[in-house]
Amino acid sequence: MKNYEGKVAVVTGASSGIGEALSRELAAHGFSVALLARRKDRLVALGSEIESKGGKSLTVTCDVTKDEDLPRAMAEVKAAWGRIDVVIANAGFGVVGPFERMTLDDYRRQFDTNVWGVIRTIKAALPEIRASKGRVAVIGSLNGYVCLPNSSPYGMSKFAVRALCDALYYELKPEGVSVTHIAPGFVESEIRQVDNKGRWHERSRDKIPNWIRMRTPKAARHIVRAILKRKREEVITGHAKIAAFLQRHVPWLFSFVVCRMGLKARREP
């Protein structure tokens, strides 16, 4: 494992799920990791865990839906460590339900976090990433390729960030900055316990079977490897690779399967 001691990584949505696992994985590679999220108690606990294992962390309470929070957070990171080498826009949640039941505010709320939150994160970090010829990564979703019934807000947001990554890849490549789009399938996460207003329901059961869910540490290893190799995209989990392949190359077959099996997005918890 290559040692990235002296390099600095920033992770949004670091308080749980993929973001939490990514923070641990980056710290294991030697990165100093800035942990950004809204839940300060969880960030402090994660930071203490990382430091107990010899790593370096910085906890910054931050809401990606607030214009002023990301510039402040990146300024704190630079003040502490002088640079930013990797930024991972991971914070997000899912608004689901039939189109006719969705309100305009549902779509606005979804885009404010999943799209504008990504844009705010990259905008705030980009000067330092350019200076270090670093790496930008966006945690999208398989739903950026495949959108099932009852998932139009979430699917639209993930299609949008995939398009953003495509454009930024070409814009930033000449400057030595890599842009990696990550498209996970089902990974262990709290996202399926979060309702359409972004509230976490601790007692809500994740109905995705264990056999199809990838564990977050394994997903984090795949994601960090892709980012460090400066890959343009990485689709995570076997079922996601199959679904993305079918949608890309034989969309009629994928459509047939969805219709024949009556596949739909998950319900709001």
C-alpha atoms as a PDB file:
ATOM      1  CA  MET A   1       0.000   0.000   0.000  1.00  0.00           C
ATOM      2  CA  LYS A   2       1.477   3.330  -1.060  1.00  0.00           C
ATOM      3  CA  ASN A   3       1.871   5.822   1.756  1.00  0.00           C
ATOM      4  CA  TYR A   4       0.238   9.200   1.158  1.00  0.00           C
ATOM      5  CA  GLU A   5       1.529  10.767   4.353  1.00  0.00           C
ATOM      6  CA  GLY A   6       1.488  14.553   4.025  1.00  0.00           C
ATOM      7  CA  LYS A   7      -1.392  14.460   1.558  1.00  0.00           C
ATOM      8  CA  VAL A   8      -4.820  15.791   2.554  1.00  0.00           C
ATOM      9  CA  ALA A   9      -8.249  14.396   1.718  1.00  0.00           C
ATOM     10  CA  VAL A  10     -11.659  15.969   2.340  1.00  0.00           C
ATOM     11  CA  VAL A  11     -14.800  13.817   2.607  1.00  0.00           C
ATOM     12  CA  THR A  12     -18.333  15.197   2.828  1.00  0.00           C
ATOM     13  CA  GLY A  13     -21.029  13.087   4.437  1.00  0.00           C
ATOM     14  CA  ALA A  14     -18.316  11.485   6.566  1.00  0.00           C
ATOM     15  CA  SER A  15     -20.546  10.721   9.550  1.00  0.00           C
ATOM     16  CA  SER A  16     -21.966   7.429   8.252  1.00  0.00           C
ATOM     17  CA  GLY A  17     -22.066   4.822   5.497  1.00  0.00           C
ATOM     18  CA  ILE A  18     -19.736   5.134   2.536  1.00  0.00           C
ATOM     19  CA  GLY A  19     -18.313   8.466   3.708  1.00  0.00           C
ATOM     20  CA  GLU A  20     -17.331   7.038   7.082  1.00  0.00           C
ATOM     21  CA  ALA A  21     -15.714   3.997   5.476  1.00  0.00           C
ATOM     22  CA  LEU A  22     -13.889   6.159   2.921  1.00  0.00           C
ATOM     23  CA  SER A  23     -12.453   8.276   5.729  1.00  0.00           C
ATOM     24  CA  ARG A  24     -11.055   5.203   7.463  1.00  0.00           C
ATOM     25  CA  GLU A  25      -9.617   3.843   4.214  1.00  0.00           C
ATOM     26  CA  LEU A  26      -7.947   7.134   3.298  1.00  0.00           C
ATOM     27  CA  ALA A  27      -6.451   7.408   6.781  1.00  0.00           C
ATOM     28  CA  ALA A  28      -5.099   3.861   6.404  1.00  0.00           C
ATOM     29  CA  HIS A  29      -3.307   5.038   3.241  1.00  0.00           C
ATOM     30  CA  GLY A  30      -1.627   7.829   5.208  1.00  0.00           C
ATOM     31  CA  PHE A  31      -3.867  10.750   4.254  1.00  0.00           C
ATOM     32  CA  SER A  32      -4.743  13.441   6.740  1.00  0.00           C
ATOM     33  CA  VAL A  33      -8.534  13.317   6.511  1.00  0.00           C
ATOM     34  CA  ALA A  34     -10.946  16.222   6.959  1.00  0.00           C
ATOM     35  CA  LEU A  35     -14.324  14.862   8.063  1.00  0.00           C
ATOM     36  CA  LEU A  36     -17.263  17.018   6.972  1.00  0.00           C
ATOM     37  CA  ALA A  37     -20.898  16.395   7.941  1.00  0.00           C
ATOM     38  CA  ARG A  38     -23.751  17.822  10.020  1.00  0.00           C
ATOM     39  CA  ARG A  39     -23.610  15.380  12.950  1.00  0.00           C
ATOM     40  CA  LYS A  40     -20.728  16.614  15.082  1.00  0.00           C
ATOM     41  CA  ASP A  41     -20.891  13.809  17.653  1.00  0.00           C
ATOM     42  CA  ARG A  42     -20.355  11.171  14.990  1.00  0.00           C
ATOM     43  CA  LEU A  43     -17.511  13.117  13.393  1.00  0.00           C
ATOM     44  CA  VAL A  44     -15.755  13.473  16.741  1.00  0.00           C
ATOM     45  CA  ALA A  45     -16.095   9.737  17.408  1.00  0.00           C
ATOM     46  CA  LEU A  46     -14.733   8.852  13.960  1.00  0.00           C
ATOM     47  CA  GLY A  47     -11.888  11.356  14.300  1.00  0.00           C
ATOM     48  CA  SER A  48     -10.919   9.891  17.669  1.00  0.00           C
ATOM     49  CA  GLU A  49     -10.930   6.381  16.176  1.00  0.00           C
ATOM     50  CA  ILE A  50      -8.680   7.448  13.288  1.00  0.00           C
ATOM     51  CA  GLU A  51      -6.242   9.205  15.606  1.00  0.00           C
ATOM     52  CA  SER A  52      -6.149   6.251  18.016  1.00  0.00           C
ATOM     53  CA  LYS A  53      -4.725   4.237  15.110  1.00  0.00           C
ATOM     54  CA  GLY A  54      -2.049   6.818  14.375  1.00  0.00           C
ATOM     55  CA  GLY A  55      -3.908   8.770  11.699  1.00  0.00           C
ATOM     56  CA  LYS A  56      -4.644  12.473  11.404  1.00  0.00           C
ATOM     57  CA  SER A  57      -8.141  13.918  11.251  1.00  0.00           C
ATOM     58  CA  LEU A  58      -9.961  17.229  11.356  1.00  0.00           C
ATOM     59  CA  THR A  59     -13.677  17.428  12.115  1.00  0.00           C
ATOM     60  CA  VAL A  60     -15.668  20.254  10.520  1.00  0.00           C
ATOM     61  CA  THR A  61     -19.408  20.565  11.054  1.00  0.00           C
ATOM     62  CA  CYS A  62     -20.772  21.421   7.641  1.00  0.00           C
ATOM     63  CA  ASP A  63     -24.080  21.395   5.723  1.00  0.00           C
ATOM     64  CA  VAL A  64     -23.638  21.038   1.963  1.00  0.00           C
ATOM     65  CA  THR A  65     -26.976  22.799   1.354  1.00  0.00           C
ATOM     66  CA  LYS A  66     -25.617  26.070   2.784  1.00  0.00           C
ATOM     67  CA  ASP A  67     -23.627  28.250   0.392  1.00  0.00           C
ATOM     68  CA  GLU A  68     -21.339  29.601   3.100  1.00  0.00           C
ATOM     69  CA  ASP A  69     -20.449  26.297   4.792  1.00  0.00           C
ATOM     70  CA  LEU A  70     -18.202  24.748   2.128  1.00  0.00           C
ATOM     71  CA  PRO A  71     -15.859  27.749   1.628  1.00  0.00           C
ATOM     72  CA  ARG A  72     -15.545  28.012   5.422  1.00  0.00           C
ATOM     73  CA  ALA A  73     -14.810  24.299   5.727  1.00  0.00           C
ATOM     74  CA  MET A  74     -12.147  24.315   3.006  1.00  0.00           C
ATOM     75  CA  ALA A  75     -10.538  27.370   4.597  1.00  0.00           C
ATOM     76  CA  GLU A  76     -10.337  25.477   7.905  1.00  0.00           C
ATOM     77  CA  VAL A  77      -8.691  22.531   6.174  1.00  0.00           C
ATOM     78  CA  LYS A  78      -6.141  24.756   4.440  1.00  0.00           C
ATOM     79  CA  ALA A  79      -5.417  26.627   7.683  1.00  0.00           C
ATOM     80  CA  ALA A  80      -4.792  23.326   9.468  1.00  0.00           C
ATOM     81  CA  TRP A  81      -2.772  21.474   6.822  1.00  0.00           C
ATOM     82  CA  GLY A  82      -1.899  23.956   4.066  1.00  0.00           C
ATOM     83  CA  ARG A  83      -3.240  21.984   1.123  1.00  0.00           C
ATOM     84  CA  ILE A  84      -5.987  19.741  -0.295  1.00  0.00           C
ATOM     85  CA  ASP A  85      -5.082  16.804  -2.537  1.00  0.00           C
ATOM     86  CA  VAL A  86      -8.348  14.867  -2.725  1.00  0.00           C
ATOM     87  CA  VAL A  87     -11.941  16.012  -2.361  1.00  0.00           C
ATOM     88  CA  ILE A  88     -14.777  13.472  -2.292  1.00  0.00           C
ATOM     89  CA  ALA A  89     -18.310  14.824  -2.716  1.00  0.00           C
ATOM     90  CA  ASN A  90     -20.187  12.043  -0.961  1.00  0.00           C
ATOM     91  CA  ALA A  91     -23.024  13.696   0.995  1.00  0.00           C
ATOM     92  CA  GLY A  92     -26.446  12.766  -0.313  1.00  0.00           C
ATOM     93  CA  PHE A  93     -29.793  11.115   0.330  1.00  0.00           C
ATOM     94  CA  GLY A  94     -32.732   9.799  -1.697  1.00  0.00           C
ATOM     95  CA  VAL A  95     -36.194  11.241  -2.322  1.00  0.00           C
ATOM     96  CA  VAL A  96     -38.495   8.506  -3.640  1.00  0.00           C
ATOM     97  CA  GLY A  97     -42.138   8.058  -4.560  1.00  0.00           C
ATOM     98  CA  PRO A  98     -44.503   8.213  -7.557  1.00  0.00           C
ATOM     99  CA  PHE A  99     -44.125  11.316  -9.706  1.00  0.00           C
ATOM    100  CA  GLU A 100     -47.704  12.461  -9.149  1.00  0.00           C
ATOM    101  CA  ARG A 101     -47.193  12.473  -5.382  1.00  0.00           C
ATOM    102  CA  MET A 102     -43.921  14.386  -5.523  1.00  0.00           C
ATOM    103  CA  THR A 103     -44.062  18.127  -4.896  1.00  0.00           C
ATOM    104  CA  LEU A 104     -41.819  20.744  -6.430  1.00  0.00           C
ATOM    105  CA  ASP A 105     -40.217  21.131  -3.004  1.00  0.00           C
ATOM    106  CA  ASP A 106     -39.344  17.411  -3.029  1.00  0.00           C
ATOM    107  CA  TYR A 107     -37.357  17.897  -6.229  1.00  0.00           C
ATOM    108  CA  ARG A 108     -35.754  21.107  -4.963  1.00  0.00           C
ATOM    109  CA  ARG A 109     -34.737  19.432  -1.698  1.00  0.00           C
ATOM    110  CA  GLN A 110     -33.248  16.486  -3.570  1.00  0.00           C
ATOM    111  CA  PHE A 111     -31.228  18.650  -5.941  1.00  0.00           C
ATOM    112  CA  ASP A 112     -30.081  21.030  -3.216  1.00  0.00           C
ATOM    113  CA  THR A 113     -28.173  18.220  -1.512  1.00  0.00           C
ATOM    114  CA  ASN A 114     -27.319  15.766  -4.285  1.00  0.00           C
ATOM    115  CA  VAL A 115     -26.503  18.240  -7.074  1.00  0.00           C
ATOM    116  CA  TRP A 116     -25.923  21.701  -5.623  1.00  0.00           C
ATOM    117  CA  GLY A 117     -24.149  20.135  -2.651  1.00  0.00           C
ATOM    118  CA  VAL A 118     -21.694  18.475  -5.035  1.00  0.00           C
ATOM    119  CA  ILE A 119     -21.203  21.714  -6.964  1.00  0.00           C
ATOM    120  CA  ARG A 120     -20.649  23.704  -3.756  1.00  0.00           C
ATOM    121  CA  THR A 121     -18.098  21.144  -2.564  1.00  0.00           C
ATOM    122  CA  ILE A 122     -16.070  21.102  -5.780  1.00  0.00           C
ATOM    123  CA  LYS A 123     -16.230  24.888  -6.236  1.00  0.00           C
ATOM    124  CA  ALA A 124     -14.903  25.464  -2.726  1.00  0.00           C
ATOM    125  CA  ALA A 125     -12.071  22.931  -3.016  1.00  0.00           C
ATOM    126  CA  LEU A 126     -11.036  23.511  -6.618  1.00  0.00           C
ATOM    127  CA  PRO A 127      -8.384  26.233  -6.124  1.00  0.00           C
ATOM    128  CA  GLU A 128      -6.440  23.965  -3.764  1.00  0.00           C
ATOM    129  CA  ILE A 129      -7.023  20.871  -5.914  1.00  0.00           C
ATOM    130  CA  ARG A 130      -5.659  22.749  -8.928  1.00  0.00           C
ATOM    131  CA  ALA A 131      -2.618  23.839  -6.940  1.00  0.00           C
ATOM    132  CA  SER A 132      -1.845  20.249  -5.916  1.00  0.00           C
ATOM    133  CA  LYS A 133      -2.865  18.695  -9.262  1.00  0.00           C
ATOM    134  CA  GLY A 134      -5.085  16.560  -7.121  1.00  0.00           C
ATOM    135  CA  ARG A 135      -8.151  14.398  -7.431  1.00  0.00           C
ATOM    136  CA  VAL A 136     -11.890  15.112  -7.457  1.00  0.00           C
ATOM    137  CA  ALA A 137     -14.362  12.283  -6.823  1.00  0.00           C
ATOM    138  CA  VAL A 138     -18.149  12.287  -6.825  1.00  0.00           C
ATOM    139  CA  ILE A 139     -20.183   9.499  -5.272  1.00  0.00           C
ATOM    140  CA  GLY A 140     -23.020   9.035  -7.716  1.00  0.00           C
ATOM    141  CA  SER A 141     -25.098   5.896  -8.076  1.00  0.00           C
ATOM    142  CA  LEU A 142     -26.118   3.127 -10.419  1.00  0.00           C
ATOM    143  CA  ASN A 143     -29.278   5.264 -10.621  1.00  0.00           C
ATOM    144  CA  GLY A 144     -27.212   7.653 -12.689  1.00  0.00           C
ATOM    145  CA  TYR A 145     -27.598   5.048 -15.453  1.00  0.00           C
ATOM    146  CA  VAL A 146     -30.759   3.198 -14.467  1.00  0.00           C
ATOM    147  CA  CYS A 147     -33.862   4.901 -13.120  1.00  0.00           C
ATOM    148  CA  LEU A 148     -36.678   2.708 -11.836  1.00  0.00           C
ATOM    149  CA  PRO A 149     -40.311   3.733 -11.308  1.00  0.00           C
ATOM    150  CA  ASN A 150     -40.867   5.863  -8.175  1.00  0.00           C
ATOM    151  CA  SER A 151     -37.305   7.188  -8.114  1.00  0.00           C
ATOM    152  CA  SER A 152     -37.362  10.176 -10.456  1.00  0.00           C
ATOM    153  CA  PRO A 153     -36.017  12.792  -7.957  1.00  0.00           C
ATOM    154  CA  TYR A 154     -33.081  10.611  -6.879  1.00  0.00           C
ATOM    155  CA  GLY A 155     -32.397   9.280 -10.368  1.00  0.00           C
ATOM    156  CA  MET A 156     -32.449  12.757 -11.907  1.00  0.00           C
ATOM    157  CA  SER A 157     -29.957  13.999  -9.307  1.00  0.00           C
ATOM    158  CA  LYS A 158     -27.557  11.142 -10.040  1.00  0.00           C
ATOM    159  CA  PHE A 159     -27.858  11.553 -13.820  1.00  0.00           C
ATOM    160  CA  ALA A 160     -26.986  15.223 -13.241  1.00  0.00           C
ATOM    161  CA  VAL A 161     -23.793  14.587 -11.273  1.00  0.00           C
ATOM    162  CA  ARG A 162     -22.673  11.997 -13.827  1.00  0.00           C
ATOM    163  CA  ALA A 163     -23.001  14.697 -16.501  1.00  0.00           C
ATOM    164  CA  LEU A 164     -21.079  17.113 -14.281  1.00  0.00           C
ATOM    165  CA  CYS A 165     -18.259  14.577 -13.915  1.00  0.00           C
ATOM    166  CA  ASP A 166     -18.135  14.040 -17.683  1.00  0.00           C
ATOM    167  CA  ALA A 167     -17.724  17.761 -18.326  1.00  0.00           C
ATOM    168  CA  LEU A 168     -15.231  18.348 -15.509  1.00  0.00           C
ATOM    169  CA  TYR A 169     -13.123  15.387 -16.614  1.00  0.00           C
ATOM    170  CA  TYR A 170     -12.348  17.155 -19.912  1.00  0.00           C
ATOM    171  CA  GLU A 171     -12.071  20.623 -18.380  1.00  0.00           C
ATOM    172  CA  LEU A 172      -9.632  19.683 -15.635  1.00  0.00           C
ATOM    173  CA  LYS A 173      -7.553  16.941 -17.286  1.00  0.00           C
ATOM    174  CA  PRO A 174      -5.239  19.437 -19.052  1.00  0.00           C
ATOM    175  CA  GLU A 175      -4.424  20.910 -15.627  1.00  0.00           C
ATOM    176  CA  GLY A 176      -3.407  17.538 -14.205  1.00  0.00           C
ATOM    177  CA  VAL A 177      -6.561  17.186 -12.086  1.00  0.00           C
ATOM    178  CA  SER A 178      -8.450  13.879 -12.265  1.00  0.00           C
ATOM    179  CA  VAL A 179     -12.230  13.522 -11.902  1.00  0.00           C
ATOM    180  CA  THR A 180     -13.636  10.138 -10.864  1.00  0.00           C
ATOM    181  CA  HIS A 181     -17.321   9.286 -10.978  1.00  0.00           C
ATOM    182  CA  ILE A 182     -18.315   6.465  -8.623  1.00  0.00           C
ATOM    183  CA  ALA A 183     -21.536   4.553  -9.349  1.00  0.00           C
ATOM    184  CA  PRO A 184     -22.354   2.172  -6.473  1.00  0.00           C
ATOM    185  CA  GLY A 185     -25.171  -0.319  -6.437  1.00  0.00           C
ATOM    186  CA  PHE A 186     -26.483  -1.582  -3.097  1.00  0.00           C
ATOM    187  CA  VAL A 187     -23.940  -0.873  -0.356  1.00  0.00           C
ATOM    188  CA  GLU A 188     -24.463  -0.979   3.410  1.00  0.00           C
ATOM    189  CA  SER A 189     -25.658   2.500   4.243  1.00  0.00           C
ATOM    190  CA  GLU A 190     -28.168   4.543   6.200  1.00  0.00           C
ATOM    191  CA  ILE A 191     -29.589   6.026   2.993  1.00  0.00           C
ATOM    192  CA  ARG A 192     -32.523   3.602   2.976  1.00  0.00           C
ATOM    193  CA  GLN A 193     -33.362   4.665   6.542  1.00  0.00           C
ATOM    194  CA  VAL A 194     -33.643   8.334   5.563  1.00  0.00           C
ATOM    195  CA  ASP A 195     -37.002   9.788   4.576  1.00  0.00           C
ATOM    196  CA  ASN A 196     -37.803  12.329   1.863  1.00  0.00           C
ATOM    197  CA  LYS A 197     -37.054  15.235   4.181  1.00  0.00           C
ATOM    198  CA  GLY A 198     -33.618  13.938   5.080  1.00  0.00           C
ATOM    199  CA  ARG A 199     -34.576  12.597   8.518  1.00  0.00           C
ATOM    200  CA  TRP A 200     -32.913   9.383   9.708  1.00  0.00           C
ATOM    201  CA  HIS A 201     -35.167   6.654  11.139  1.00  0.00           C
ATOM    202  CA  GLU A 202     -32.935   4.497  13.299  1.00  0.00           C
ATOM    203  CA  ARG A 203     -35.502   1.717  13.730  1.00  0.00           C
ATOM    204  CA  SER A 204     -36.369   1.462  10.056  1.00  0.00           C
ATOM    205  CA  ARG A 205     -35.189  -1.848   8.615  1.00  0.00           C
ATOM    206  CA  ASP A 206     -33.135  -1.978   5.431  1.00  0.00           C
ATOM    207  CA  LYS A 207     -35.166  -4.295   3.185  1.00  0.00           C
ATOM    208  CA  ILE A 208     -32.357  -4.942   0.712  1.00  0.00           C
ATOM    209  CA  PRO A 209     -31.207  -8.563   1.259  1.00  0.00           C
ATOM    210  CA  ASN A 210     -27.793  -9.006   2.849  1.00  0.00           C
ATOM    211  CA  TRP A 211     -26.535 -11.167  -0.017  1.00  0.00           C
ATOM    212  CA  ILE A 212     -26.798  -8.312  -2.519  1.00  0.00           C
ATOM    213  CA  ARG A 213     -25.429  -5.525  -0.289  1.00  0.00           C
ATOM    214  CA  MET A 214     -21.692  -4.872  -0.397  1.00  0.00           C
ATOM    215  CA  ARG A 215     -20.114  -4.098   2.955  1.00  0.00           C
ATOM    216  CA  THR A 216     -18.930  -0.516   3.269  1.00  0.00           C
ATOM    217  CA  PRO A 217     -15.258  -1.326   4.010  1.00  0.00           C
ATOM    218  CA  LYS A 218     -15.053  -3.367   0.799  1.00  0.00           C
ATOM    219  CA  ALA A 219     -16.799  -0.639  -1.194  1.00  0.00           C
ATOM    220  CA  ALA A 220     -14.423   1.948   0.272  1.00  0.00           C
ATOM    221  CA  ARG A 221     -11.386  -0.074  -0.829  1.00  0.00           C
ATOM    222  CA  HIS A 222     -12.690  -0.223  -4.408  1.00  0.00           C
ATOM    223  CA  ILE A 223     -13.537   3.488  -4.421  1.00  0.00           C
ATOM    224  CA  VAL A 224     -10.241   4.702  -2.967  1.00  0.00           C
ATOM    225  CA  ARG A 225      -8.295   2.486  -5.367  1.00  0.00           C
ATOM    226  CA  ALA A 226     -10.166   4.007  -8.316  1.00  0.00           C
ATOM    227  CA  ILE A 227      -9.545   7.551  -7.071  1.00  0.00           C
ATOM    228  CA  LEU A 228      -5.837   6.973  -6.473  1.00  0.00           C
ATOM    229  CA  LYS A 229      -5.484   5.420  -9.941  1.00  0.00           C
ATOM    230  CA  ARG A 230      -7.240   8.517 -11.345  1.00  0.00           C
ATOM    231  CA  LYS A 231      -9.831   6.378 -13.085  1.00  0.00           C
ATOM    232  CA  ARG A 232     -12.587   8.212 -14.896  1.00  0.00           C
ATOM    233  CA  GLU A 233     -15.347   5.986 -13.492  1.00  0.00           C
ATOM    234  CA  GLU A 234     -15.861   2.975 -11.269  1.00  0.00           C
ATOM    235  CA  VAL A 235     -19.101   1.021 -10.990  1.00  0.00           C
ATOM    236  CA  ILE A 236     -19.250  -0.711  -7.602  1.00  0.00           C
ATOM    237  CA  THR A 237     -20.911  -4.112  -6.910  1.00  0.00           C
ATOM    238  CA  GLY A 238     -21.493  -6.971  -9.328  1.00  0.00           C
ATOM    239  CA  HIS A 239     -25.201  -6.380  -9.830  1.00  0.00           C
ATOM    240  CA  ALA A 240     -24.544  -2.726 -10.621  1.00  0.00           C
ATOM    241  CA  LYS A 241     -21.977  -3.672 -13.271  1.00  0.00           C
ATOM    242  CA  ILE A 242     -24.503  -6.023 -14.902  1.00  0.00           C
ATOM    243  CA  ALA A 243     -27.332  -3.474 -14.814  1.00  0.00           C
ATOM    244  CA  ALA A 244     -25.151  -0.671 -16.197  1.00  0.00           C
ATOM    245  CA  PHE A 245     -23.878  -2.946 -18.969  1.00  0.00           C
ATOM    246  CA  LEU A 246     -27.416  -3.961 -19.997  1.00  0.00           C
ATOM    247  CA  GLN A 247     -28.643  -0.370 -19.946  1.00  0.00           C
ATOM    248  CA  ARG A 248     -25.691   0.794 -22.040  1.00  0.00           C
ATOM    249  CA  HIS A 249     -25.676  -2.004 -24.636  1.00  0.00           C
ATOM    250  CA  VAL A 250     -29.111  -3.669 -24.682  1.00  0.00           C
ATOM    251  CA  PRO A 251     -31.518  -1.157 -23.128  1.00  0.00           C
ATOM    252  CA  TRP A 252     -34.517  -2.956 -24.591  1.00  0.00           C
ATOM    253  CA  LEU A 253     -33.594  -6.055 -22.584  1.00  0.00           C
ATOM    254  CA  PHE A 254     -33.214  -4.109 -19.366  1.00  0.00           C
ATOM    255  CA  SER A 255     -36.570  -2.424 -19.995  1.00  0.00           C
ATOM    256  CA  PHE A 256     -38.169  -5.819 -20.607  1.00  0.00           C
ATOM    257  CA  VAL A 257     -36.816  -7.139 -17.291  1.00  0.00           C
ATOM    258  CA  VAL A 258     -38.027  -4.084 -15.351  1.00  0.00           C
ATOM    259  CA  CYS A 259     -41.508  -4.279 -16.850  1.00  0.00           C
ATOM    260  CA  ARG A 260     -41.795  -8.059 -16.678  1.00  0.00           C
ATOM    261  CA  MET A 261     -40.699  -8.234 -13.056  1.00  0.00           C
ATOM    262  CA  GLY A 262     -42.503  -5.064 -11.993  1.00  0.00           C
ATOM    263  CA  LEU A 263     -39.358  -3.588 -10.481  1.00  0.00           C
ATOM    264  CA  LYS A 264     -39.756  -0.359  -8.513  1.00  0.00           C
ATOM    265  CA  ALA A 265     -37.629   1.809  -6.315  1.00  0.00           C
ATOM    266  CA  ARG A 266     -37.702   1.333  -2.562  1.00  0.00           C
ATOM    267  CA  ARG A 267     -40.404   2.948  -0.464  1.00  0.00           C
ATOM    268  CA  GLU A 268     -39.777   5.918   1.781  1.00  0.00           C
ATOM    269  CA  PRO A 269     -38.988   4.671   5.326  1.00  0.00           C
END
